[in-house]
Amino acid sequence: MKLAVTYDNGNVFQHFGRTEAFKIYEIQDQMIVNEEVIGTDGFGHEALADYLKGKGIEVLICGGMGQGAANALAEAGLEVVSGASGSCDEAVVSWLKGELTSAGTNCDHHDHEEEQECTSDCSTCSGGCCSGPQVIMEGRNAGKTVRVHYRGTLNDGTQFDSSYDRGEPLEFISGTGMMIPGFDRAVVDMEVGETADIHLMPEDAYGMPDPNAVFTVLIAQVPGSESLNTGDQVYLQTTAGYPMRVKVADKTDLQITFDANHEMAGKELNFHIELVEIC
């Protein structure tokens, strides 16, 4: 099995959504047989859950963990052990001995006073928060952690996503590009309790399908692809070592075609958004 630890110079990094690296441990028979440090490529929160799942990670050890991130990791099927500190290696040894217990969702962002005072140009930053996402939009909420409820539908009324159904608001840093452009722009200037109904063209959502994102390879070049069927969604690894979610678009006896475009590429989307909290 594989275990990941949020990593910063040998120690457990304390903010899961802002970690820039993980230390990955491969474990067999309760022993560490391999370890490596990998970057996150700027992913945050929910994207990190898919990233770790694509790496085959089953257990995550970290410091602080918010509810939104915890929900995303649970949905991805990962066991989370939060509240760890100190050496990554020692934390893993403690976990193997059964001595490491999780602190649960122990990060609600209200205790990060220095981070809340960080300006978009970092001129007053003194707490190291400038390593976080860059603010790219203007608005009252730009650079702030927000929590929103939303419901997404297609033009025919079909619902494709809903935080209401999951029972937990979505958490992200407003105005930093963590969300699709139209969604981010709608939230960046909202007030708590305000709702908005927006219609997004593809360029403000997931863009148009890129023909270069559709590629065909020999089945023999992708171990395990012989058992895939058209329509299956799987993760492939890029040359840089990062997971890439693709859909099987076509398959013959010798070749398989993958489509790396987002499933919502080319679609007009509608969102009902409610700003629940500014952290």
C-alpha atoms as a PDB file:
ATOM      1  CA  MET A   1       0.000   0.000   0.000  1.00  0.00           C
ATOM      2  CA  LYS A   2       1.015   3.649  -0.401  1.00  0.00           C
ATOM      3  CA  LEU A   3       0.885   6.399   2.197  1.00  0.00           C
ATOM      4  CA  ALA A   4       1.408  10.140   1.662  1.00  0.00           C
ATOM      5  CA  VAL A   5       2.519  12.831   4.114  1.00  0.00           C
ATOM      6  CA  THR A   6       2.304  16.588   3.526  1.00  0.00           C
ATOM      7  CA  TYR A   7       5.970  17.522   3.255  1.00  0.00           C
ATOM      8  CA  ASP A   8       8.137  20.539   4.069  1.00  0.00           C
ATOM      9  CA  ASN A   9      11.891  20.013   4.438  1.00  0.00           C
ATOM     10  CA  GLY A  10      11.506  16.678   6.194  1.00  0.00           C
ATOM     11  CA  ASN A  11       8.612  17.713   8.419  1.00  0.00           C
ATOM     12  CA  VAL A  12       4.829  17.400   8.222  1.00  0.00           C
ATOM     13  CA  PHE A  13       3.476  20.493   6.485  1.00  0.00           C
ATOM     14  CA  GLN A  14       0.644  21.931   8.545  1.00  0.00           C
ATOM     15  CA  HIS A  15      -1.880  23.141   5.927  1.00  0.00           C
ATOM     16  CA  PHE A  16      -3.074  20.359   3.615  1.00  0.00           C
ATOM     17  CA  GLY A  17      -4.603  22.605   0.931  1.00  0.00           C
ATOM     18  CA  ARG A  18      -1.407  24.635   0.598  1.00  0.00           C
ATOM     19  CA  THR A  19       1.214  21.920   0.656  1.00  0.00           C
ATOM     20  CA  GLU A  20       3.657  22.065  -2.231  1.00  0.00           C
ATOM     21  CA  ALA A  21       4.926  18.507  -1.838  1.00  0.00           C
ATOM     22  CA  PHE A  22       4.124  15.062  -0.471  1.00  0.00           C
ATOM     23  CA  LYS A  23       6.458  12.369   0.733  1.00  0.00           C
ATOM     24  CA  ILE A  24       5.197   9.044  -0.567  1.00  0.00           C
ATOM     25  CA  TYR A  25       5.908   5.816   1.320  1.00  0.00           C
ATOM     26  CA  GLU A  26       5.368   2.362  -0.148  1.00  0.00           C
ATOM     27  CA  ILE A  27       4.667  -0.113   2.632  1.00  0.00           C
ATOM     28  CA  GLN A  28       4.760  -3.908   2.574  1.00  0.00           C
ATOM     29  CA  ASP A  29       4.318  -6.167   5.615  1.00  0.00           C
ATOM     30  CA  GLN A  30       4.344  -3.124   7.935  1.00  0.00           C
ATOM     31  CA  MET A  31       7.734  -2.040   6.589  1.00  0.00           C
ATOM     32  CA  ILE A  32       8.721   0.949   4.426  1.00  0.00           C
ATOM     33  CA  VAL A  33      10.191  -0.456   1.200  1.00  0.00           C
ATOM     34  CA  ASN A  34      10.362   2.735  -0.870  1.00  0.00           C
ATOM     35  CA  GLU A  35       9.964   6.482  -0.426  1.00  0.00           C
ATOM     36  CA  GLU A  36      10.017   9.561  -2.666  1.00  0.00           C
ATOM     37  CA  VAL A  37       9.091  13.248  -2.556  1.00  0.00           C
ATOM     38  CA  ILE A  38       6.761  14.572  -5.256  1.00  0.00           C
ATOM     39  CA  GLY A  39       5.410  18.054  -6.011  1.00  0.00           C
ATOM     40  CA  THR A  40       1.736  19.012  -6.162  1.00  0.00           C
ATOM     41  CA  ASP A  41       1.977  21.176  -9.311  1.00  0.00           C
ATOM     42  CA  GLY A  42      -0.139  23.841  -7.642  1.00  0.00           C
ATOM     43  CA  PHE A  43      -3.176  21.659  -7.025  1.00  0.00           C
ATOM     44  CA  GLY A  44      -5.306  22.523  -4.005  1.00  0.00           C
ATOM     45  CA  HIS A  45      -8.087  21.080  -1.869  1.00  0.00           C
ATOM     46  CA  GLU A  46     -10.404  18.909  -3.984  1.00  0.00           C
ATOM     47  CA  ALA A  47      -7.898  18.620  -6.845  1.00  0.00           C
ATOM     48  CA  LEU A  48      -5.346  17.208  -4.405  1.00  0.00           C
ATOM     49  CA  ALA A  49      -7.769  14.420  -3.485  1.00  0.00           C
ATOM     50  CA  ASP A  50      -7.943  13.263  -7.111  1.00  0.00           C
ATOM     51  CA  TYR A  51      -4.183  13.746  -7.430  1.00  0.00           C
ATOM     52  CA  LEU A  52      -3.455  11.442  -4.480  1.00  0.00           C
ATOM     53  CA  LYS A  53      -6.018   8.887  -5.614  1.00  0.00           C
ATOM     54  CA  GLY A  54      -4.359   8.822  -9.026  1.00  0.00           C
ATOM     55  CA  LYS A  55      -1.043   8.049  -7.318  1.00  0.00           C
ATOM     56  CA  GLY A  56      -2.583   5.032  -5.613  1.00  0.00           C
ATOM     57  CA  ILE A  57      -2.454   6.605  -2.158  1.00  0.00           C
ATOM     58  CA  GLU A  58      -4.638   4.927   0.473  1.00  0.00           C
ATOM     59  CA  VAL A  59      -3.659   6.886   3.605  1.00  0.00           C
ATOM     60  CA  LEU A  60      -2.810  10.573   4.080  1.00  0.00           C
ATOM     61  CA  ILE A  61      -1.000  11.988   7.111  1.00  0.00           C
ATOM     62  CA  CYS A  62      -1.122  15.766   7.512  1.00  0.00           C
ATOM     63  CA  GLY A  63      -1.285  18.656   9.969  1.00  0.00           C
ATOM     64  CA  GLY A  64      -4.337  20.892   9.582  1.00  0.00           C
ATOM     65  CA  MET A  65      -7.388  19.629   7.694  1.00  0.00           C
ATOM     66  CA  GLY A  66     -10.571  21.585   6.881  1.00  0.00           C
ATOM     67  CA  GLN A  67     -13.997  20.041   6.399  1.00  0.00           C
ATOM     68  CA  GLY A  68     -14.134  20.679   2.659  1.00  0.00           C
ATOM     69  CA  ALA A  69     -10.820  18.926   2.056  1.00  0.00           C
ATOM     70  CA  ALA A  70     -11.813  16.094   4.387  1.00  0.00           C
ATOM     71  CA  ASN A  71     -15.001  15.530   2.394  1.00  0.00           C
ATOM     72  CA  ALA A  72     -13.106  15.475  -0.906  1.00  0.00           C
ATOM     73  CA  LEU A  73     -10.575  12.971   0.445  1.00  0.00           C
ATOM     74  CA  ALA A  74     -13.313  10.767   1.876  1.00  0.00           C
ATOM     75  CA  GLU A  75     -15.101  10.817  -1.471  1.00  0.00           C
ATOM     76  CA  ALA A  76     -11.841   9.732  -3.111  1.00  0.00           C
ATOM     77  CA  GLY A  77     -11.643   6.822  -0.650  1.00  0.00           C
ATOM     78  CA  LEU A  78      -8.566   7.974   1.313  1.00  0.00           C
ATOM     79  CA  GLU A  79      -8.067   7.442   5.034  1.00  0.00           C
ATOM     80  CA  VAL A  80      -6.955  10.702   6.666  1.00  0.00           C
ATOM     81  CA  VAL A  81      -4.825  11.059   9.792  1.00  0.00           C
ATOM     82  CA  SER A  82      -4.654  14.762  10.686  1.00  0.00           C
ATOM     83  CA  GLY A  83      -2.980  16.592  13.545  1.00  0.00           C
ATOM     84  CA  ALA A  84       0.499  15.186  12.916  1.00  0.00           C
ATOM     85  CA  SER A  85       3.620  17.311  13.369  1.00  0.00           C
ATOM     86  CA  GLY A  86       7.394  16.987  13.405  1.00  0.00           C
ATOM     87  CA  SER A  87       9.339  14.541  11.251  1.00  0.00           C
ATOM     88  CA  CYS A  88       7.491  12.859   8.381  1.00  0.00           C
ATOM     89  CA  ASP A  89       9.461   9.658   8.882  1.00  0.00           C
ATOM     90  CA  GLU A  90       8.670   9.538  12.600  1.00  0.00           C
ATOM     91  CA  ALA A  91       4.973  10.188  11.910  1.00  0.00           C
ATOM     92  CA  VAL A  92       4.848   7.213   9.542  1.00  0.00           C
ATOM     93  CA  VAL A  93       6.646   4.964  12.052  1.00  0.00           C
ATOM     94  CA  SER A  94       4.121   6.013  14.707  1.00  0.00           C
ATOM     95  CA  TRP A  95       1.269   5.223  12.332  1.00  0.00           C
ATOM     96  CA  LEU A  96       2.717   1.783  11.607  1.00  0.00           C
ATOM     97  CA  LYS A  97       2.877   1.135  15.365  1.00  0.00           C
ATOM     98  CA  GLY A  98      -0.747   2.195  15.770  1.00  0.00           C
ATOM     99  CA  GLU A  99       0.292   5.152  17.927  1.00  0.00           C
ATOM    100  CA  LEU A 100      -0.877   7.951  15.617  1.00  0.00           C
ATOM    101  CA  THR A 101      -4.518   9.028  15.928  1.00  0.00           C
ATOM    102  CA  SER A 102      -6.375  11.536  13.773  1.00  0.00           C
ATOM    103  CA  ALA A 103      -7.431  14.941  15.099  1.00  0.00           C
ATOM    104  CA  GLY A 104     -10.263  15.102  12.571  1.00  0.00           C
ATOM    105  CA  THR A 105     -11.204  18.383  10.859  1.00  0.00           C
ATOM    106  CA  ASN A 106      -8.944  20.560  12.965  1.00  0.00           C
ATOM    107  CA  CYS A 107      -8.519  23.565  10.672  1.00  0.00           C
ATOM    108  CA  ASP A 108     -11.323  26.088  10.218  1.00  0.00           C
ATOM    109  CA  HIS A 109      -9.078  28.967   9.014  1.00  0.00           C
ATOM    110  CA  HIS A 110     -10.204  31.287  11.804  1.00  0.00           C
ATOM    111  CA  ASP A 111      -6.940  30.885  13.685  1.00  0.00           C
ATOM    112  CA  HIS A 112      -4.670  31.934  10.813  1.00  0.00           C
ATOM    113  CA  GLU A 113      -4.559  35.624  11.634  1.00  0.00           C
ATOM    114  CA  GLU A 114      -1.349  36.320   9.766  1.00  0.00           C
ATOM    115  CA  GLU A 115      -2.719  34.678   6.623  1.00  0.00           C
ATOM    116  CA  GLN A 116      -5.912  36.733   6.764  1.00  0.00           C
ATOM    117  CA  GLU A 117      -3.839  39.924   6.878  1.00  0.00           C
ATOM    118  CA  CYS A 118      -1.812  39.056   3.781  1.00  0.00           C
ATOM    119  CA  THR A 119      -2.482  41.503   0.956  1.00  0.00           C
ATOM    120  CA  SER A 120      -2.605  40.597  -2.713  1.00  0.00           C
ATOM    121  CA  ASP A 121       0.807  42.141  -3.324  1.00  0.00           C
ATOM    122  CA  CYS A 122       2.269  40.571  -0.154  1.00  0.00           C
ATOM    123  CA  SER A 123       3.489  43.975   1.023  1.00  0.00           C
ATOM    124  CA  THR A 124       2.399  43.276   4.607  1.00  0.00           C
ATOM    125  CA  CYS A 125       2.883  39.533   4.648  1.00  0.00           C
ATOM    126  CA  SER A 126       4.852  38.267   7.620  1.00  0.00           C
ATOM    127  CA  GLY A 127       3.522  34.773   8.092  1.00  0.00           C
ATOM    128  CA  GLY A 128       4.746  32.941   5.011  1.00  0.00           C
ATOM    129  CA  CYS A 129       1.327  33.033   3.380  1.00  0.00           C
ATOM    130  CA  CYS A 130       2.719  34.348   0.113  1.00  0.00           C
ATOM    131  CA  SER A 131       3.454  30.786  -0.926  1.00  0.00           C
ATOM    132  CA  GLY A 132      -0.310  30.374  -1.372  1.00  0.00           C
ATOM    133  CA  PRO A 133      -2.326  30.911  -4.564  1.00  0.00           C
ATOM    134  CA  GLN A 134      -1.879  34.208  -6.414  1.00  0.00           C
ATOM    135  CA  VAL A 135      -4.867  36.565  -6.484  1.00  0.00           C
ATOM    136  CA  ILE A 136      -5.836  37.211 -10.117  1.00  0.00           C
ATOM    137  CA  MET A 137      -9.221  38.936  -9.695  1.00  0.00           C
ATOM    138  CA  GLU A 138     -10.486  42.052  -7.967  1.00  0.00           C
ATOM    139  CA  GLY A 139     -13.357  42.031  -5.504  1.00  0.00           C
ATOM    140  CA  ARG A 140     -14.215  42.179  -1.812  1.00  0.00           C
ATOM    141  CA  ASN A 141     -13.530  38.455  -1.383  1.00  0.00           C
ATOM    142  CA  ALA A 142     -10.359  38.210  -3.475  1.00  0.00           C
ATOM    143  CA  GLY A 143      -7.751  36.147  -1.628  1.00  0.00           C
ATOM    144  CA  LYS A 144     -10.183  35.110   1.102  1.00  0.00           C
ATOM    145  CA  THR A 145     -11.265  31.566   1.869  1.00  0.00           C
ATOM    146  CA  VAL A 146     -14.982  31.277   1.148  1.00  0.00           C
ATOM    147  CA  ARG A 147     -17.569  28.550   1.539  1.00  0.00           C
ATOM    148  CA  VAL A 148     -20.418  28.325  -0.961  1.00  0.00           C
ATOM    149  CA  HIS A 149     -23.358  26.079  -1.676  1.00  0.00           C
ATOM    150  CA  TYR A 150     -24.141  25.598  -5.348  1.00  0.00           C
ATOM    151  CA  ARG A 151     -26.221  23.623  -7.803  1.00  0.00           C
ATOM    152  CA  GLY A 152     -25.034  23.092 -11.386  1.00  0.00           C
ATOM    153  CA  THR A 153     -27.382  22.295 -14.272  1.00  0.00           C
ATOM    154  CA  LEU A 154     -27.223  21.981 -18.037  1.00  0.00           C
ATOM    155  CA  ASN A 155     -29.512  24.002 -20.322  1.00  0.00           C
ATOM    156  CA  ASP A 156     -32.031  21.145 -20.425  1.00  0.00           C
ATOM    157  CA  GLY A 157     -32.325  21.270 -16.640  1.00  0.00           C
ATOM    158  CA  THR A 158     -30.215  18.173 -15.964  1.00  0.00           C
ATOM    159  CA  GLN A 159     -28.329  18.536 -12.694  1.00  0.00           C
ATOM    160  CA  PHE A 160     -24.660  17.548 -12.933  1.00  0.00           C
ATOM    161  CA  ASP A 161     -23.427  18.598  -9.495  1.00  0.00           C
ATOM    162  CA  SER A 162     -24.729  19.924  -6.190  1.00  0.00           C
ATOM    163  CA  SER A 163     -23.086  20.749  -2.869  1.00  0.00           C
ATOM    164  CA  TYR A 164     -26.569  20.795  -1.341  1.00  0.00           C
ATOM    165  CA  ASP A 165     -26.914  17.090  -2.086  1.00  0.00           C
ATOM    166  CA  ARG A 166     -23.567  16.381  -0.427  1.00  0.00           C
ATOM    167  CA  GLY A 167     -24.614  18.391   2.629  1.00  0.00           C
ATOM    168  CA  GLU A 168     -21.375  20.380   2.801  1.00  0.00           C
ATOM    169  CA  PRO A 169     -20.446  23.740   1.209  1.00  0.00           C
ATOM    170  CA  LEU A 170     -17.538  23.956  -1.206  1.00  0.00           C
ATOM    171  CA  GLU A 171     -14.478  25.743   0.212  1.00  0.00           C
ATOM    172  CA  PHE A 172     -11.918  27.581  -1.925  1.00  0.00           C
ATOM    173  CA  ILE A 173      -9.834  30.763  -2.069  1.00  0.00           C
ATOM    174  CA  SER A 174     -11.788  33.326  -4.037  1.00  0.00           C
ATOM    175  CA  GLY A 175     -10.259  35.157  -6.974  1.00  0.00           C
ATOM    176  CA  THR A 176      -7.251  32.855  -7.358  1.00  0.00           C
ATOM    177  CA  GLY A 177      -8.376  30.676 -10.267  1.00  0.00           C
ATOM    178  CA  MET A 178      -9.180  27.621  -8.148  1.00  0.00           C
ATOM    179  CA  MET A 179     -12.623  27.566  -9.765  1.00  0.00           C
ATOM    180  CA  ILE A 180     -13.751  27.956 -13.372  1.00  0.00           C
ATOM    181  CA  PRO A 181     -13.572  31.654 -14.387  1.00  0.00           C
ATOM    182  CA  GLY A 182     -17.285  32.471 -14.464  1.00  0.00           C
ATOM    183  CA  PHE A 183     -17.945  30.830 -11.093  1.00  0.00           C
ATOM    184  CA  ASP A 184     -14.967  32.575  -9.498  1.00  0.00           C
ATOM    185  CA  ARG A 185     -16.028  35.987 -10.858  1.00  0.00           C
ATOM    186  CA  ALA A 186     -19.538  35.531  -9.493  1.00  0.00           C
ATOM    187  CA  VAL A 187     -18.343  34.782  -5.964  1.00  0.00           C
ATOM    188  CA  VAL A 188     -15.479  37.264  -5.694  1.00  0.00           C
ATOM    189  CA  ASP A 189     -17.794  40.210  -4.955  1.00  0.00           C
ATOM    190  CA  MET A 190     -20.750  38.499  -3.218  1.00  0.00           C
ATOM    191  CA  GLU A 191     -21.845  39.104   0.372  1.00  0.00           C
ATOM    192  CA  VAL A 192     -22.525  36.388   2.940  1.00  0.00           C
ATOM    193  CA  GLY A 193     -26.110  35.195   2.526  1.00  0.00           C
ATOM    194  CA  GLU A 194     -26.337  36.491  -1.032  1.00  0.00           C
ATOM    195  CA  THR A 195     -27.402  34.161  -3.848  1.00  0.00           C
ATOM    196  CA  ALA A 196     -26.707  34.374  -7.575  1.00  0.00           C
ATOM    197  CA  ASP A 197     -27.938  32.541 -10.648  1.00  0.00           C
ATOM    198  CA  ILE A 198     -25.463  32.586 -13.515  1.00  0.00           C
ATOM    199  CA  HIS A 199     -25.264  31.192 -17.047  1.00  0.00           C
ATOM    200  CA  LEU A 200     -21.797  30.406 -18.365  1.00  0.00           C
ATOM    201  CA  MET A 201     -20.678  29.932 -21.942  1.00  0.00           C
ATOM    202  CA  PRO A 202     -17.920  27.328 -22.454  1.00  0.00           C
ATOM    203  CA  GLU A 203     -15.142  29.928 -22.467  1.00  0.00           C
ATOM    204  CA  ASP A 204     -16.109  30.930 -18.919  1.00  0.00           C
ATOM    205  CA  ALA A 205     -16.484  27.305 -17.824  1.00  0.00           C
ATOM    206  CA  TYR A 206     -14.370  24.385 -19.028  1.00  0.00           C
ATOM    207  CA  GLY A 207     -13.536  25.741 -22.470  1.00  0.00           C
ATOM    208  CA  MET A 208     -14.006  24.050 -25.814  1.00  0.00           C
ATOM    209  CA  PRO A 209     -12.769  20.498 -26.444  1.00  0.00           C
ATOM    210  CA  ASP A 210      -9.129  20.401 -27.524  1.00  0.00           C
ATOM    211  CA  PRO A 211      -8.549  17.942 -30.383  1.00  0.00           C
ATOM    212  CA  ASN A 212      -4.934  17.583 -29.225  1.00  0.00           C
ATOM    213  CA  ALA A 213      -6.218  16.120 -25.946  1.00  0.00           C
ATOM    214  CA  VAL A 214      -7.510  13.057 -27.815  1.00  0.00           C
ATOM    215  CA  PHE A 215      -4.775  10.525 -28.493  1.00  0.00           C
ATOM    216  CA  THR A 216      -4.421   6.906 -29.587  1.00  0.00           C
ATOM    217  CA  VAL A 217      -1.824   4.427 -28.333  1.00  0.00           C
ATOM    218  CA  LEU A 218      -1.172   0.735 -28.628  1.00  0.00           C
ATOM    219  CA  ILE A 219      -2.951  -1.303 -25.969  1.00  0.00           C
ATOM    220  CA  ALA A 220       0.347  -3.078 -25.308  1.00  0.00           C
ATOM    221  CA  GLN A 221       1.873   0.273 -24.248  1.00  0.00           C
ATOM    222  CA  VAL A 222      -0.653   0.821 -21.431  1.00  0.00           C
ATOM    223  CA  PRO A 223      -0.674  -2.053 -18.930  1.00  0.00           C
ATOM    224  CA  GLY A 224      -4.200  -2.928 -17.874  1.00  0.00           C
ATOM    225  CA  SER A 225      -5.871  -1.174 -20.804  1.00  0.00           C
ATOM    226  CA  GLU A 226      -6.891  -4.511 -22.325  1.00  0.00           C
ATOM    227  CA  SER A 227      -9.663  -4.711 -19.734  1.00  0.00           C
ATOM    228  CA  LEU A 228     -11.002  -1.186 -20.364  1.00  0.00           C
ATOM    229  CA  ASN A 229     -14.190  -0.422 -22.261  1.00  0.00           C
ATOM    230  CA  THR A 230     -15.390   2.628 -24.158  1.00  0.00           C
ATOM    231  CA  GLY A 231     -16.685   5.204 -21.692  1.00  0.00           C
ATOM    232  CA  ASP A 232     -14.476   4.091 -18.781  1.00  0.00           C
ATOM    233  CA  GLN A 233     -12.645   6.837 -16.911  1.00  0.00           C
ATOM    234  CA  VAL A 234      -9.144   6.119 -15.651  1.00  0.00           C
ATOM    235  CA  TYR A 235      -5.962   7.924 -14.606  1.00  0.00           C
ATOM    236  CA  LEU A 236      -2.827   7.926 -16.727  1.00  0.00           C
ATOM    237  CA  GLN A 237       0.520   9.336 -15.633  1.00  0.00           C
ATOM    238  CA  THR A 238       2.042  12.241 -17.531  1.00  0.00           C
ATOM    239  CA  THR A 239       5.742  12.402 -18.402  1.00  0.00           C
ATOM    240  CA  ALA A 240       6.129  14.728 -15.402  1.00  0.00           C
ATOM    241  CA  GLY A 241       4.673  12.067 -13.119  1.00  0.00           C
ATOM    242  CA  TYR A 242       1.298  13.694 -12.470  1.00  0.00           C
ATOM    243  CA  PRO A 243      -2.070  11.926 -12.752  1.00  0.00           C
ATOM    244  CA  MET A 244      -4.269  12.778 -15.739  1.00  0.00           C
ATOM    245  CA  ARG A 245      -7.885  11.682 -15.799  1.00  0.00           C
ATOM    246  CA  VAL A 246      -8.972  10.444 -19.223  1.00  0.00           C
ATOM    247  CA  LYS A 247     -11.984   8.781 -20.789  1.00  0.00           C
ATOM    248  CA  VAL A 248     -11.785   5.826 -23.155  1.00  0.00           C
ATOM    249  CA  ALA A 249     -13.177   7.237 -26.408  1.00  0.00           C
ATOM    250  CA  ASP A 250     -12.622   4.220 -28.655  1.00  0.00           C
ATOM    251  CA  LYS A 251     -10.935   0.840 -28.659  1.00  0.00           C
ATOM    252  CA  THR A 252      -9.925  -1.736 -31.248  1.00  0.00           C
ATOM    253  CA  ASP A 253      -8.113  -5.049 -30.935  1.00  0.00           C
ATOM    254  CA  LEU A 254      -4.735  -3.288 -31.030  1.00  0.00           C
ATOM    255  CA  GLN A 255      -5.302   0.367 -30.150  1.00  0.00           C
ATOM    256  CA  ILE A 256      -7.091   2.436 -27.543  1.00  0.00           C
ATOM    257  CA  THR A 257      -8.085   6.097 -27.823  1.00  0.00           C
ATOM    258  CA  PHE A 258      -8.172   8.343 -24.746  1.00  0.00           C
ATOM    259  CA  ASP A 259      -9.860  11.735 -24.384  1.00  0.00           C
ATOM    260  CA  ALA A 260      -8.288  13.999 -21.749  1.00  0.00           C
ATOM    261  CA  ASN A 261     -10.815  16.816 -22.219  1.00  0.00           C
ATOM    262  CA  HIS A 262     -12.984  17.658 -19.229  1.00  0.00           C
ATOM    263  CA  GLU A 263     -16.392  16.018 -19.504  1.00  0.00           C
ATOM    264  CA  MET A 264     -18.003  19.474 -19.390  1.00  0.00           C
ATOM    265  CA  ALA A 265     -15.805  20.952 -22.141  1.00  0.00           C
ATOM    266  CA  GLY A 266     -17.907  22.668 -24.783  1.00  0.00           C
ATOM    267  CA  LYS A 267     -21.025  22.835 -22.619  1.00  0.00           C
ATOM    268  CA  GLU A 268     -23.009  25.841 -21.406  1.00  0.00           C
ATOM    269  CA  LEU A 269     -23.492  25.610 -17.646  1.00  0.00           C
ATOM    270  CA  ASN A 270     -25.898  27.143 -15.151  1.00  0.00           C
ATOM    271  CA  PHE A 271     -25.181  27.629 -11.449  1.00  0.00           C
ATOM    272  CA  HIS A 272     -27.229  28.674  -8.467  1.00  0.00           C
ATOM    273  CA  ILE A 273     -24.689  29.933  -5.909  1.00  0.00           C
ATOM    274  CA  GLU A 274     -25.115  30.866  -2.255  1.00  0.00           C
ATOM    275  CA  LEU A 275     -22.248  32.428  -0.306  1.00  0.00           C
ATOM    276  CA  VAL A 276     -22.412  30.749   3.103  1.00  0.00           C
ATOM    277  CA  GLU A 277     -19.293  32.005   4.873  1.00  0.00           C
ATOM    278  CA  ILE A 278     -16.137  34.053   4.493  1.00  0.00           C
ATOM    279  CA  CYS A 279     -13.429  32.502   6.647  1.00  0.00           C
END
